[in-house]
Amino acid sequence: MVPVLAKNAVRIKCNFQNAGMTGNYECAYALGILNAQLGLPEITEYEDIAALKEQLLEKAADYKTEEAGLKQMVHLLKEYEAAPVADEQMRELFTMGFHDKNL
């Protein structure tokens, strides 16, 4: 998996209401952006993407933004059922999302 493919997929899907997240790689990138948007320090210790998603969505319960793409990204994250795994590329994508900070 080339990380830029997952990154571009998230950015494109955040522009469509009927899109769906299709894998943990996309989820990892979006979670990195959410981590940064919440103003939290980068999370570096996590068991897997499913646990990380649960942790960040819990912290994002009161997250508000006017940016339509970010709203859609949070919706995509809530709808996606993450698999309880985390490989090196998922961790890399999470870090990329955190450092990109925006869509």
N, C-alpha and C. Protein backbone atom coordinates (compact mmCIF):
# COMPACT_ATOMS: atom_id res chain seq x y z
N MET A 1 0.85 -1.18 0.00
CA MET A 1 0.00 0.00 0.00
C MET A 1 0.89 1.23 0.00
N VAL A 2 0.68 2.11 -0.94
CA VAL A 2 1.40 3.36 -0.99
C VAL A 2 0.63 4.35 -0.12
N PRO A 3 1.27 4.91 0.92
CA PRO A 3 0.55 5.80 1.83
C PRO A 3 -0.18 6.96 1.16
N VAL A 4 0.37 7.48 0.09
CA VAL A 4 -0.28 8.61 -0.57
C VAL A 4 -1.65 8.22 -1.14
N LEU A 5 -1.87 6.96 -1.47
CA LEU A 5 -3.18 6.52 -1.96
C LEU A 5 -4.24 6.63 -0.87
N ALA A 6 -3.91 6.21 0.33
CA ALA A 6 -4.86 6.31 1.45
C ALA A 6 -5.11 7.78 1.78
N LYS A 7 -4.06 8.57 1.76
CA LYS A 7 -4.17 10.00 2.05
C LYS A 7 -5.11 10.67 1.04
N ASN A 8 -4.90 10.40 -0.24
CA ASN A 8 -5.75 10.99 -1.27
C ASN A 8 -7.18 10.48 -1.19
N ALA A 9 -7.35 9.21 -0.85
CA ALA A 9 -8.70 8.64 -0.73
C ALA A 9 -9.49 9.37 0.34
N VAL A 10 -8.87 9.63 1.48
CA VAL A 10 -9.56 10.34 2.57
C VAL A 10 -9.94 11.74 2.11
N ARG A 11 -9.01 12.43 1.49
CA ARG A 11 -9.28 13.80 1.04
C ARG A 11 -10.42 13.84 0.02
N ILE A 12 -10.46 12.89 -0.87
CA ILE A 12 -11.53 12.85 -1.87
C ILE A 12 -12.87 12.48 -1.22
N LYS A 13 -12.87 11.47 -0.38
CA LYS A 13 -14.11 11.00 0.25
C LYS A 13 -14.75 12.04 1.16
N CYS A 14 -13.94 12.94 1.69
CA CYS A 14 -14.48 13.98 2.57
C CYS A 14 -15.26 15.04 1.80
N ASN A 15 -15.27 14.94 0.48
CA ASN A 15 -16.04 15.87 -0.35
C ASN A 15 -17.36 15.28 -0.82
N PHE A 16 -17.66 14.05 -0.41
CA PHE A 16 -18.87 13.38 -0.87
C PHE A 16 -19.67 12.84 0.32
N GLN A 17 -20.97 13.13 0.32
CA GLN A 17 -21.84 12.68 1.41
C GLN A 17 -22.06 11.17 1.41
N ASN A 18 -22.00 10.54 0.24
CA ASN A 18 -22.31 9.11 0.17
C ASN A 18 -21.06 8.23 0.18
N ALA A 19 -19.92 8.79 0.51
CA ALA A 19 -18.67 8.02 0.53
C ALA A 19 -18.57 7.21 1.82
N GLY A 20 -17.73 6.20 1.78
CA GLY A 20 -17.47 5.40 2.97
C GLY A 20 -16.00 5.08 3.08
N MET A 21 -15.53 4.99 4.28
CA MET A 21 -14.14 4.62 4.51
C MET A 21 -14.01 3.12 4.24
N THR A 22 -12.95 2.71 3.56
CA THR A 22 -12.85 1.32 3.15
C THR A 22 -11.71 0.53 3.78
N GLY A 23 -10.95 1.13 4.66
CA GLY A 23 -9.87 0.36 5.26
C GLY A 23 -9.19 1.08 6.40
N ASN A 24 -8.42 0.31 7.15
CA ASN A 24 -7.71 0.87 8.30
C ASN A 24 -6.64 1.88 7.90
N TYR A 25 -6.14 1.79 6.67
CA TYR A 25 -5.13 2.76 6.24
C TYR A 25 -5.75 4.14 6.14
N GLU A 26 -6.92 4.23 5.52
CA GLU A 26 -7.64 5.50 5.45
C GLU A 26 -8.00 5.97 6.85
N CYS A 27 -8.46 5.06 7.66
CA CYS A 27 -8.85 5.39 9.03
C CYS A 27 -7.67 5.96 9.81
N ALA A 28 -6.52 5.35 9.68
CA ALA A 28 -5.33 5.80 10.40
C ALA A 28 -4.97 7.23 10.01
N TYR A 29 -5.01 7.54 8.72
CA TYR A 29 -4.68 8.89 8.27
C TYR A 29 -5.69 9.89 8.84
N ALA A 30 -6.98 9.57 8.74
CA ALA A 30 -8.02 10.46 9.26
C ALA A 30 -7.89 10.65 10.77
N LEU A 31 -7.55 9.60 11.48
CA LEU A 31 -7.37 9.72 12.94
C LEU A 31 -6.20 10.64 13.28
N GLY A 32 -5.15 10.62 12.47
CA GLY A 32 -4.04 11.53 12.69
C GLY A 32 -4.48 12.98 12.55
N ILE A 33 -5.29 13.26 11.52
CA ILE A 33 -5.81 14.61 11.34
C ILE A 33 -6.69 14.99 12.53
N LEU A 34 -7.56 14.08 12.95
CA LEU A 34 -8.45 14.36 14.08
C LEU A 34 -7.63 14.64 15.34
N ASN A 35 -6.61 13.86 15.59
CA ASN A 35 -5.73 14.06 16.74
C ASN A 35 -5.19 15.49 16.73
N ALA A 36 -4.71 15.95 15.58
CA ALA A 36 -4.18 17.31 15.47
C ALA A 36 -5.28 18.35 15.61
N GLN A 37 -6.43 18.12 15.01
CA GLN A 37 -7.54 19.08 15.08
C GLN A 37 -8.04 19.27 16.51
N LEU A 38 -7.93 18.22 17.31
CA LEU A 38 -8.36 18.31 18.71
C LEU A 38 -7.35 19.07 19.57
N GLY A 39 -6.19 19.38 18.99
CA GLY A 39 -5.17 20.11 19.73
C GLY A 39 -4.44 19.27 20.76
N LEU A 40 -4.50 17.96 20.58
CA LEU A 40 -3.84 17.04 21.52
C LEU A 40 -2.43 16.75 21.03
N PRO A 41 -1.53 16.41 21.95
CA PRO A 41 -0.21 15.95 21.50
C PRO A 41 -0.37 14.66 20.70
N GLU A 42 0.54 14.41 19.80
CA GLU A 42 0.45 13.21 18.97
C GLU A 42 0.47 11.96 19.85
N ILE A 43 -0.51 11.11 19.64
CA ILE A 43 -0.58 9.84 20.37
C ILE A 43 0.41 8.89 19.69
N THR A 44 1.36 8.41 20.45
CA THR A 44 2.37 7.52 19.88
C THR A 44 2.26 6.09 20.39
N GLU A 45 1.57 5.91 21.48
CA GLU A 45 1.40 4.58 22.06
C GLU A 45 -0.06 4.17 21.95
N TYR A 46 -0.32 3.17 21.12
CA TYR A 46 -1.67 2.62 21.01
C TYR A 46 -1.56 1.18 20.54
N GLU A 47 -2.53 0.41 20.97
CA GLU A 47 -2.52 -1.03 20.68
C GLU A 47 -2.87 -1.32 19.23
N ASP A 48 -3.96 -0.71 18.77
CA ASP A 48 -4.41 -0.94 17.40
C ASP A 48 -5.30 0.21 16.95
N ILE A 49 -5.65 0.22 15.68
CA ILE A 49 -6.43 1.31 15.10
C ILE A 49 -7.84 1.38 15.70
N ALA A 50 -8.45 0.24 15.97
CA ALA A 50 -9.80 0.25 16.55
C ALA A 50 -9.79 0.92 17.92
N ALA A 51 -8.82 0.61 18.75
CA ALA A 51 -8.72 1.22 20.08
C ALA A 51 -8.41 2.71 19.96
N LEU A 52 -7.54 3.07 19.04
CA LEU A 52 -7.19 4.47 18.82
C LEU A 52 -8.42 5.26 18.35
N LYS A 53 -9.18 4.67 17.45
CA LYS A 53 -10.41 5.31 16.95
C LYS A 53 -11.38 5.57 18.10
N GLU A 54 -11.58 4.57 18.92
CA GLU A 54 -12.48 4.71 20.07
C GLU A 54 -12.00 5.83 21.00
N GLN A 55 -10.71 5.84 21.29
CA GLN A 55 -10.12 6.84 22.18
C GLN A 55 -10.30 8.26 21.62
N LEU A 56 -10.00 8.45 20.34
CA LEU A 56 -10.09 9.79 19.77
C LEU A 56 -11.53 10.24 19.56
N LEU A 57 -12.42 9.35 19.16
CA LEU A 57 -13.81 9.75 18.99
C LEU A 57 -14.45 10.10 20.33
N GLU A 58 -14.03 9.45 21.38
CA GLU A 58 -14.52 9.81 22.72
C GLU A 58 -14.09 11.23 23.07
N LYS A 59 -12.84 11.57 22.76
CA LYS A 59 -12.34 12.92 23.04
C LYS A 59 -12.95 13.95 22.10
N ALA A 60 -13.44 13.51 20.95
CA ALA A 60 -14.01 14.41 19.95
C ALA A 60 -15.52 14.59 20.11
N ALA A 61 -16.09 14.10 21.18
CA ALA A 61 -17.54 14.16 21.36
C ALA A 61 -18.07 15.59 21.23
N ASP A 62 -17.33 16.57 21.69
CA ASP A 62 -17.76 17.96 21.63
C ASP A 62 -17.05 18.75 20.54
N TYR A 63 -16.36 18.07 19.63
CA TYR A 63 -15.61 18.73 18.56
C TYR A 63 -16.56 19.41 17.59
N LYS A 64 -16.33 20.68 17.34
CA LYS A 64 -17.14 21.45 16.40
C LYS A 64 -16.22 22.09 15.38
N THR A 65 -16.64 22.09 14.14
CA THR A 65 -15.91 22.76 13.07
C THR A 65 -16.91 23.22 12.02
N GLU A 66 -16.57 24.30 11.36
CA GLU A 66 -17.40 24.79 10.26
C GLU A 66 -16.96 24.21 8.93
N GLU A 67 -15.79 23.58 8.90
CA GLU A 67 -15.26 23.04 7.66
C GLU A 67 -15.99 21.75 7.29
N ALA A 68 -16.67 21.78 6.16
CA ALA A 68 -17.49 20.65 5.73
C ALA A 68 -16.68 19.36 5.58
N GLY A 69 -15.48 19.46 5.05
CA GLY A 69 -14.64 18.28 4.86
C GLY A 69 -14.29 17.60 6.17
N LEU A 70 -13.98 18.39 7.18
CA LEU A 70 -13.65 17.82 8.50
C LEU A 70 -14.89 17.21 9.15
N LYS A 71 -16.04 17.85 8.97
CA LYS A 71 -17.29 17.27 9.49
C LYS A 71 -17.53 15.90 8.86
N GLN A 72 -17.34 15.83 7.54
CA GLN A 72 -17.54 14.57 6.83
C GLN A 72 -16.51 13.54 7.28
N MET A 73 -15.29 13.96 7.53
CA MET A 73 -14.25 13.04 7.98
C MET A 73 -14.64 12.40 9.32
N VAL A 74 -15.14 13.21 10.25
CA VAL A 74 -15.57 12.68 11.55
C VAL A 74 -16.74 11.72 11.35
N HIS A 75 -17.65 12.07 10.46
CA HIS A 75 -18.78 11.17 10.16
C HIS A 75 -18.27 9.84 9.60
N LEU A 76 -17.33 9.91 8.66
CA LEU A 76 -16.75 8.68 8.09
C LEU A 76 -16.10 7.83 9.17
N LEU A 77 -15.39 8.47 10.08
CA LEU A 77 -14.74 7.73 11.17
C LEU A 77 -15.77 7.05 12.07
N LYS A 78 -16.84 7.76 12.38
CA LYS A 78 -17.88 7.18 13.24
C LYS A 78 -18.55 5.98 12.59
N GLU A 79 -18.72 6.04 11.28
CA GLU A 79 -19.40 4.97 10.55
C GLU A 79 -18.51 3.76 10.27
N TYR A 80 -17.21 3.97 10.24
CA TYR A 80 -16.29 2.90 9.86
C TYR A 80 -16.03 1.96 11.04
N GLU A 81 -16.07 0.66 10.78
CA GLU A 81 -15.75 -0.33 11.81
C GLU A 81 -14.30 -0.77 11.60
N ALA A 82 -13.42 -0.22 12.42
CA ALA A 82 -11.98 -0.49 12.28
C ALA A 82 -11.64 -1.89 12.76
N ALA A 83 -10.72 -2.51 12.06
CA ALA A 83 -10.20 -3.82 12.48
C ALA A 83 -9.17 -3.59 13.58
N PRO A 84 -9.11 -4.48 14.55
CA PRO A 84 -8.18 -4.30 15.68
C PRO A 84 -6.74 -4.71 15.32
N VAL A 85 -6.15 -3.98 14.38
CA VAL A 85 -4.76 -4.21 13.98
C VAL A 85 -4.08 -2.86 13.79
N ALA A 86 -2.77 -2.87 13.79
CA ALA A 86 -1.98 -1.67 13.48
C ALA A 86 -0.62 -2.12 12.99
N ASP A 87 -0.37 -1.91 11.70
CA ASP A 87 0.94 -2.26 11.17
C ASP A 87 1.77 -0.98 10.98
N GLU A 88 2.96 -1.13 10.47
CA GLU A 88 3.88 0.00 10.33
C GLU A 88 3.33 1.08 9.40
N GLN A 89 2.67 0.68 8.32
CA GLN A 89 2.12 1.68 7.40
C GLN A 89 0.95 2.43 8.02
N MET A 90 0.14 1.76 8.82
CA MET A 90 -0.95 2.46 9.51
C MET A 90 -0.38 3.48 10.47
N ARG A 91 0.67 3.11 11.18
CA ARG A 91 1.31 4.05 12.10
C ARG A 91 1.91 5.23 11.34
N GLU A 92 2.49 4.94 10.19
CA GLU A 92 3.06 6.00 9.35
C GLU A 92 1.96 6.95 8.86
N LEU A 93 0.83 6.40 8.44
CA LEU A 93 -0.28 7.22 7.97
C LEU A 93 -0.87 8.06 9.09
N PHE A 94 -0.96 7.50 10.29
CA PHE A 94 -1.45 8.27 11.43
C PHE A 94 -0.55 9.48 11.66
N THR A 95 0.76 9.26 11.65
CA THR A 95 1.72 10.34 11.85
C THR A 95 1.62 11.37 10.71
N MET A 96 1.46 10.90 9.48
CA MET A 96 1.29 11.81 8.34
C MET A 96 0.06 12.70 8.54
N GLY A 97 -1.04 12.10 8.94
CA GLY A 97 -2.26 12.87 9.18
C GLY A 97 -2.07 13.89 10.28
N PHE A 98 -1.39 13.48 11.34
CA PHE A 98 -1.16 14.40 12.45
C PHE A 98 -0.35 15.61 11.98
N HIS A 99 0.66 15.38 11.19
CA HIS A 99 1.52 16.47 10.73
C HIS A 99 0.87 17.29 9.61
N ASP A 100 -0.02 16.68 8.83
CA ASP A 100 -0.75 17.45 7.80
C ASP A 100 -1.78 18.37 8.45
N LYS A 101 -2.39 17.93 9.53
CA LYS A 101 -3.34 18.67 10.35
C LYS A 101 -4.67 19.02 9.67
N ASN A 102 -4.69 19.15 8.38
CA ASN A 102 -5.90 19.52 7.64
C ASN A 102 -6.06 18.62 6.42
N LEU A 103 -7.24 18.66 5.85
CA LEU A 103 -7.49 17.89 4.63
C LEU A 103 -6.88 18.58 3.43
